[in-house]
């Protein structure tokens, strides 16, 4: 199950969206605020903001919440100062894990991430320790129900994508960071809904996990990290055989 941490986690989120609606709205609000702060509050001239507005609407986030988050970013409403931080560490079996957070409290975020790694048999590493395990790329995950391979291939190549990967039930489209907004706009114009679209840490290679106990521990660690209040995204370079979890 290579790359499970994005596609499988995204699908689990959608299955449990009602239970996690408060967490999802909070994360999107932070994204909206940061995008508006960095690129302005007009989505016509801020592609990143437009992407997050579409994400908010897909999650049924109330329009008032969207507007309020944007105005906090532009300074029209008072708001807290957010910090974007990245933590690197190792999980069971030496699996590399990267955690992105957006927080208004650096000490709280660091403490929660560190204690979660420790609780589930992992440990934090220094900045840059996992640089050779991941590439920083634009990544779009699209259900095969929403497009065809020919359609997404044509759109992606015309918009400067580096790769389109057919994973059977979904497509993964990758691009350089500088091409993310252009590709996002092209996919949006075609009316294709994405399960996930972000600047991601994509593994350069994966590490297989061959026993069920390690697989369960890793998934529990990743899920718990992902559920933390300040977590934006979690990435890992594991390759888990689905048959190991067949009875779960």
Protein backbone atom coordinates (compact mmCIF):
# COMPACT_ATOMS: atom_id res chain seq x y z
CA UNK A 1 0.00 0.00 0.00
CA UNK A 2 2.70 2.45 -1.03
CA UNK A 3 1.82 6.05 -0.41
CA UNK A 4 -1.06 5.00 1.83
CA UNK A 5 -0.60 7.97 4.14
CA UNK A 6 -2.25 10.40 1.73
CA UNK A 7 -4.85 8.45 -0.25
CA UNK A 8 -5.98 6.10 2.52
CA UNK A 9 -5.93 8.83 5.15
CA UNK A 10 -7.92 11.13 2.87
CA UNK A 11 -10.55 8.43 2.35
CA UNK A 12 -10.74 7.74 6.09
CA UNK A 13 -11.27 11.45 6.68
CA UNK A 14 -14.18 11.53 4.27
CA UNK A 15 -15.76 8.50 5.95
CA UNK A 16 -15.53 10.21 9.34
CA UNK A 17 -16.12 13.77 8.22
CA UNK A 18 -19.09 14.42 10.51
CA UNK A 19 -17.20 13.26 13.59
CA UNK A 20 -14.21 15.43 12.70
CA UNK A 21 -16.04 18.42 11.23
CA UNK A 22 -14.73 20.82 13.89
CA UNK A 23 -11.12 19.76 13.25
CA UNK A 24 -11.57 19.96 9.48
CA UNK A 25 -13.11 23.44 9.63
CA UNK A 26 -10.33 24.62 11.94
CA UNK A 27 -7.62 23.36 9.58
CA UNK A 28 -9.26 24.90 6.52
CA UNK A 29 -9.75 28.21 8.35
CA UNK A 30 -6.03 28.36 9.05
CA UNK A 31 -5.26 27.63 5.40
CA UNK A 32 -7.63 30.38 4.26
CA UNK A 33 -6.13 32.88 6.68
CA UNK A 34 -2.55 32.07 5.71
CA UNK A 35 -3.35 32.16 1.98
CA UNK A 36 -5.10 35.53 2.29
CA UNK A 37 -2.25 36.92 4.38
CA UNK A 38 0.38 35.84 1.85
CA UNK A 39 -1.47 36.58 -1.40
CA UNK A 40 -4.42 38.87 -0.69
CA UNK A 41 -8.11 38.27 -0.16
CA UNK A 42 -9.29 38.20 -3.79
CA UNK A 43 -9.44 34.62 -5.10
CA UNK A 44 -9.36 35.90 -8.69
CA UNK A 45 -5.79 37.04 -8.13
CA UNK A 46 -4.81 34.46 -5.48
CA UNK A 47 -4.97 30.90 -6.89
CA UNK A 48 -3.92 29.34 -3.58
CA UNK A 49 -6.78 31.07 -1.80
CA UNK A 50 -9.21 29.92 -4.51
CA UNK A 51 -8.04 26.33 -3.99
CA UNK A 52 -8.77 26.52 -0.25
CA UNK A 53 -12.15 28.19 -0.83
CA UNK A 54 -13.10 25.25 -3.07
CA UNK A 55 -11.87 22.85 -0.39
CA UNK A 56 -13.97 24.67 2.22
CA UNK A 57 -17.08 24.50 0.06
CA UNK A 58 -16.52 20.79 -0.61
CA UNK A 59 -16.47 20.25 3.16
CA UNK A 60 -19.74 22.24 3.49
CA UNK A 61 -18.05 24.95 5.52
CA UNK A 62 -20.47 27.86 6.10
CA UNK A 63 -19.86 30.92 3.92
CA UNK A 64 -19.62 33.15 7.00
CA UNK A 65 -16.76 31.01 8.34
CA UNK A 66 -14.93 31.25 5.00
CA UNK A 67 -15.37 35.03 4.83
CA UNK A 68 -14.25 35.48 8.44
CA UNK A 69 -11.10 33.40 7.95
CA UNK A 70 -10.15 35.40 4.83
CA UNK A 71 -10.71 38.74 6.59
CA UNK A 72 -8.47 37.63 9.44
CA UNK A 73 -5.75 37.05 6.88
CA UNK A 74 -6.19 40.44 5.21
CA UNK A 75 -6.36 42.25 8.55
CA UNK A 76 -9.99 43.32 8.18
CA UNK A 77 -10.77 41.33 11.33
CA UNK A 78 -8.52 40.73 14.33
CA UNK A 79 -6.94 37.28 14.41
CA UNK A 80 -4.20 35.23 15.98
CA UNK A 81 -0.74 34.84 14.47
CA UNK A 82 -0.18 31.42 12.92
CA UNK A 83 3.16 29.69 12.43
CA UNK A 84 3.80 26.96 9.84
CA UNK A 85 6.20 24.35 11.21
CA UNK A 86 7.56 20.99 10.05
CA UNK A 87 8.64 18.09 12.25
CA UNK A 88 10.57 15.03 11.12
CA UNK A 89 10.83 11.70 12.86
CA UNK A 90 10.89 7.92 12.66
CA UNK A 91 8.09 5.48 13.37
CA UNK A 92 8.06 1.71 13.98
CA UNK A 93 10.40 -0.12 11.61
CA UNK A 94 12.43 3.04 10.96
CA UNK A 95 9.71 4.52 8.73
CA UNK A 96 10.31 8.19 7.98
CA UNK A 97 7.47 10.53 8.96
CA UNK A 98 7.02 14.25 8.26
CA UNK A 99 4.39 16.26 10.13
CA UNK A 100 3.28 19.72 8.98
CA UNK A 101 1.49 21.91 11.52
CA UNK A 102 -0.12 25.34 11.49
CA UNK A 103 -0.32 26.64 15.03
CA UNK A 104 -0.72 29.72 17.19
CA UNK A 105 1.33 28.07 19.96
CA UNK A 106 4.74 26.64 19.00
CA UNK A 107 5.39 25.08 22.42
CA UNK A 108 2.05 23.23 22.43
CA UNK A 109 2.55 21.91 18.91
CA UNK A 110 6.09 20.68 19.60
CA UNK A 111 5.07 19.01 22.85
CA UNK A 112 2.08 17.20 21.34
CA UNK A 113 4.01 15.95 18.30
CA UNK A 114 6.96 14.79 20.42
CA UNK A 115 4.79 12.97 22.97
CA UNK A 116 2.79 11.24 20.21
CA UNK A 117 5.94 9.91 18.55
CA UNK A 118 7.16 8.62 21.93
CA UNK A 119 3.82 7.05 22.88
CA UNK A 120 3.69 4.92 19.73
CA UNK A 121 7.31 3.79 19.58
CA UNK A 122 8.77 6.52 17.40
CA UNK A 123 11.14 9.42 17.92
CA UNK A 124 11.70 12.92 16.55
CA UNK A 125 14.73 13.67 14.39
CA UNK A 126 16.53 16.91 13.59
CA UNK A 127 15.53 19.27 10.76
CA UNK A 128 16.60 17.91 7.37
CA UNK A 129 17.11 14.34 8.62
CA UNK A 130 14.60 12.98 6.11
CA UNK A 131 15.45 15.29 3.18
CA UNK A 132 16.76 12.41 1.06
CA UNK A 133 13.61 10.32 1.67
CA UNK A 134 11.11 12.83 0.24
CA UNK A 135 10.68 15.33 -2.60
CA UNK A 136 8.65 18.51 -2.16
CA UNK A 137 6.09 18.48 -4.99
CA UNK A 138 2.60 19.54 -5.93
CA UNK A 139 0.30 16.53 -5.52
CA UNK A 140 -3.30 16.00 -6.63
CA UNK A 141 -5.25 12.87 -5.68
CA UNK A 142 -8.31 12.30 -7.88
CA UNK A 143 -10.82 9.46 -7.66
CA UNK A 144 -11.09 7.37 -10.82
CA UNK A 145 -14.85 8.02 -10.59
CA UNK A 146 -14.22 11.71 -11.33
CA UNK A 147 -12.16 11.48 -14.53
CA UNK A 148 -10.59 9.17 -17.10
CA UNK A 149 -6.91 8.52 -17.58
CA UNK A 150 -6.94 10.16 -21.02
CA UNK A 151 -8.68 13.28 -19.73
CA UNK A 152 -6.47 13.87 -16.71
CA UNK A 153 -3.34 13.02 -18.71
CA UNK A 154 -4.17 15.64 -21.35
CA UNK A 155 -4.97 18.32 -18.77
CA UNK A 156 -1.93 17.53 -16.65
CA UNK A 157 0.61 17.53 -19.45
CA UNK A 158 -0.71 20.78 -20.93
CA UNK A 159 -0.48 22.43 -17.50
CA UNK A 160 3.12 21.34 -16.85
CA UNK A 161 2.67 18.25 -14.67
CA UNK A 162 5.68 15.99 -14.18
CA UNK A 163 3.83 12.69 -13.79
CA UNK A 164 0.38 11.08 -13.78
CA UNK A 165 0.15 7.78 -11.90
CA UNK A 166 -2.81 5.42 -12.37
CA UNK A 167 -3.42 3.61 -9.07
CA UNK A 168 -6.58 1.85 -10.19
CA UNK A 169 -9.13 3.51 -7.91
CA UNK A 170 -7.45 6.92 -8.12
CA UNK A 171 -4.98 9.01 -10.07
CA UNK A 172 -2.03 10.85 -8.57
CA UNK A 173 -0.80 13.90 -10.46
CA UNK A 174 2.56 15.42 -9.53
CA UNK A 175 4.11 18.73 -10.51
CA UNK A 176 6.87 21.13 -9.54
CA UNK A 177 5.91 23.59 -6.80
CA UNK A 178 6.00 26.54 -9.21
CA UNK A 179 3.44 24.81 -11.46
CA UNK A 180 0.97 23.96 -8.68
CA UNK A 181 -1.35 26.95 -9.12
CA UNK A 182 -1.44 26.57 -12.92
CA UNK A 183 -2.29 22.87 -12.68
CA UNK A 184 -4.84 23.48 -9.94
CA UNK A 185 -6.60 26.07 -12.10
CA UNK A 186 -6.62 23.71 -15.12
CA UNK A 187 -8.16 20.85 -13.12
CA UNK A 188 -10.72 23.22 -11.61
CA UNK A 189 -11.63 24.62 -15.06
CA UNK A 190 -12.25 21.06 -16.30
CA UNK A 191 -14.71 20.53 -13.46
CA UNK A 192 -12.75 17.65 -11.94
CA UNK A 193 -13.07 17.30 -8.16
CA UNK A 194 -9.91 16.40 -6.22
CA UNK A 195 -9.88 14.32 -3.06
CA UNK A 196 -6.71 16.18 -2.08
CA UNK A 197 -4.57 18.93 -3.61
CA UNK A 198 -1.50 20.28 -1.85
CA UNK A 199 2.20 20.94 -1.83
CA UNK A 200 3.23 17.58 -0.41
CA UNK A 201 6.25 15.57 0.72
CA UNK A 202 6.30 12.67 -1.74
CA UNK A 203 8.53 9.67 -0.88
CA UNK A 204 11.50 9.10 -3.20
CA UNK A 205 11.32 5.41 -2.23
CA UNK A 206 9.29 3.32 0.18
CA UNK A 207 10.19 0.94 3.00
CA UNK A 208 8.18 -2.29 3.18
CA UNK A 209 6.50 -3.37 6.42
CA UNK A 210 6.15 -7.12 6.56
CA UNK A 211 4.41 -7.83 9.87
CA UNK A 212 0.90 -6.88 10.98
CA UNK A 213 1.92 -5.61 14.42
CA UNK A 214 4.32 -3.01 13.03
CA UNK A 215 1.77 -2.01 10.40
CA UNK A 216 -0.91 -1.41 13.02
CA UNK A 217 1.46 0.55 15.25
CA UNK A 218 2.53 2.76 12.35
CA UNK A 219 -1.06 3.45 11.26
CA UNK A 220 -2.02 4.27 14.84
CA UNK A 221 0.90 6.70 15.10
CA UNK A 222 0.05 8.36 11.77
CA UNK A 223 -3.65 8.61 12.60
CA UNK A 224 -2.97 10.06 16.07
CA UNK A 225 -0.54 12.62 14.67
CA UNK A 226 -3.11 13.54 12.03
CA UNK A 227 -5.78 14.05 14.70
CA UNK A 228 -3.72 16.57 16.68
CA UNK A 229 -5.30 20.02 16.81
CA UNK A 230 -2.49 21.78 14.93
CA UNK A 231 -1.65 19.11 12.35
CA UNK A 232 -2.11 20.04 8.71
CA UNK A 233 -0.64 16.96 6.98
CA UNK A 234 1.28 13.78 7.78
CA UNK A 235 3.49 11.95 5.28
CA UNK A 236 5.43 8.69 5.54
CA UNK A 237 7.47 6.44 3.27
CA UNK A 238 6.01 3.08 4.25
CA UNK A 239 4.84 0.32 1.93
CA UNK A 240 2.22 -1.78 3.71
CA UNK A 241 0.80 -4.94 2.18
CA UNK A 242 -3.00 -4.69 2.42
CA UNK A 243 -3.23 -8.37 3.34
CA UNK A 244 -1.55 -7.63 6.67
CA UNK A 245 -4.61 -5.66 7.75
CA UNK A 246 -7.22 -7.87 6.12
CA UNK A 247 -8.81 -8.85 9.45
CA UNK A 248 -8.91 -5.32 10.90
